[in-house]
Protein backbone atom coordinates (compact mmCIF):
# COMPACT_ATOMS: atom_id res chain seq x y z
CA UNK A 1 138.30 119.62 102.68
CA UNK A 2 139.17 120.10 106.36
CA UNK A 3 137.31 122.16 108.31
CA UNK A 4 141.05 124.28 108.79
CA UNK A 5 141.30 124.78 105.31
CA UNK A 6 137.26 126.02 104.98
CA UNK A 7 137.74 128.50 108.03
CA UNK A 8 140.59 129.84 106.24
CA UNK A 9 138.92 129.98 102.76
CA UNK A 10 135.61 131.91 104.41
CA UNK A 11 138.07 134.39 106.05
CA UNK A 12 139.93 135.26 102.69
CA UNK A 13 136.28 135.54 100.98
CA UNK A 14 135.54 137.70 103.86
CA UNK A 15 138.42 140.35 103.33
CA UNK A 16 137.47 139.95 99.94
CA UNK A 17 134.53 141.34 100.24
CA UNK A 18 133.70 138.58 97.82
CA UNK A 19 131.19 137.09 101.41
CA UNK A 20 128.90 138.81 103.98
CA UNK A 21 129.58 138.05 107.61
CA UNK A 22 126.05 136.24 107.75
CA UNK A 23 126.66 134.43 105.15
CA UNK A 24 129.88 133.74 106.33
CA UNK A 25 127.79 132.82 110.43
CA UNK A 26 125.14 130.71 108.21
CA UNK A 27 128.40 128.52 106.15
CA UNK A 28 129.73 127.27 109.83
CA UNK A 29 126.79 127.11 110.84
CA UNK A 30 125.39 124.23 108.05
CA UNK A 31 129.03 122.31 108.95
CA UNK A 32 128.26 120.23 110.99
CA UNK A 33 124.42 119.09 109.40
CA UNK A 34 127.11 118.46 106.70
CA UNK A 35 128.86 116.06 108.69
CA UNK A 36 126.44 114.58 110.03
CA UNK A 37 124.91 113.63 106.28
CA UNK A 38 128.25 113.15 104.91
CA UNK A 39 128.69 110.19 107.92
CA UNK A 40 125.23 109.05 107.77
CA UNK A 41 125.75 108.63 103.80
CA UNK A 42 129.46 106.47 104.15
CA UNK A 43 127.64 104.05 107.63
CA UNK A 44 124.47 103.16 105.67
CA UNK A 45 125.71 100.61 102.87
CA UNK A 46 127.77 99.46 105.75
CA UNK A 47 124.68 98.76 107.66
CA UNK A 48 122.67 97.30 104.23
CA UNK A 49 125.53 94.35 104.26
CA UNK A 50 125.19 94.12 107.93
CA UNK A 51 121.49 93.37 107.76
CA UNK A 52 122.16 91.34 104.70
CA UNK A 53 124.52 88.86 106.54
CA UNK A 54 122.06 88.67 109.77
CA UNK A 55 118.57 87.84 107.33
CA UNK A 56 120.82 85.82 105.68
CA UNK A 57 121.92 83.30 108.59
CA UNK A 58 118.70 83.32 109.54
CA UNK A 59 117.71 81.06 106.63
CA UNK A 60 119.71 79.14 106.07
CA UNK A 61 119.31 78.52 109.92
CA UNK A 62 115.81 77.33 109.09
CA UNK A 63 116.17 75.74 106.22
CA UNK A 64 119.03 74.06 107.15
CA UNK A 65 117.30 70.94 109.64
CA UNK A 66 114.22 71.05 106.50
CA UNK A 67 117.41 69.70 104.27
CA UNK A 68 118.12 67.41 106.93
CA UNK A 69 114.66 66.05 107.48
CA UNK A 70 114.17 65.85 103.40
CA UNK A 71 117.92 64.19 103.29
CA UNK A 72 116.29 61.99 106.41
CA UNK A 73 112.92 60.80 105.02
CA UNK A 74 114.57 60.48 100.59
């Protein structure tokens, strides 16, 4: 939900007496932390895939010369 919509809903809840001002402040203060956590959870799988490709490339680069030597000797 966009931040503006959260602010509107929070303001309406305060006007209705469902949320105290201190609870509203706490909700607004935790919003950046929630955004960072969401971004991190999106980036982690991408980082794992990138690292897997890098490791795979290194393993292939190590084994190709060995396979070529075996082909020449065999």
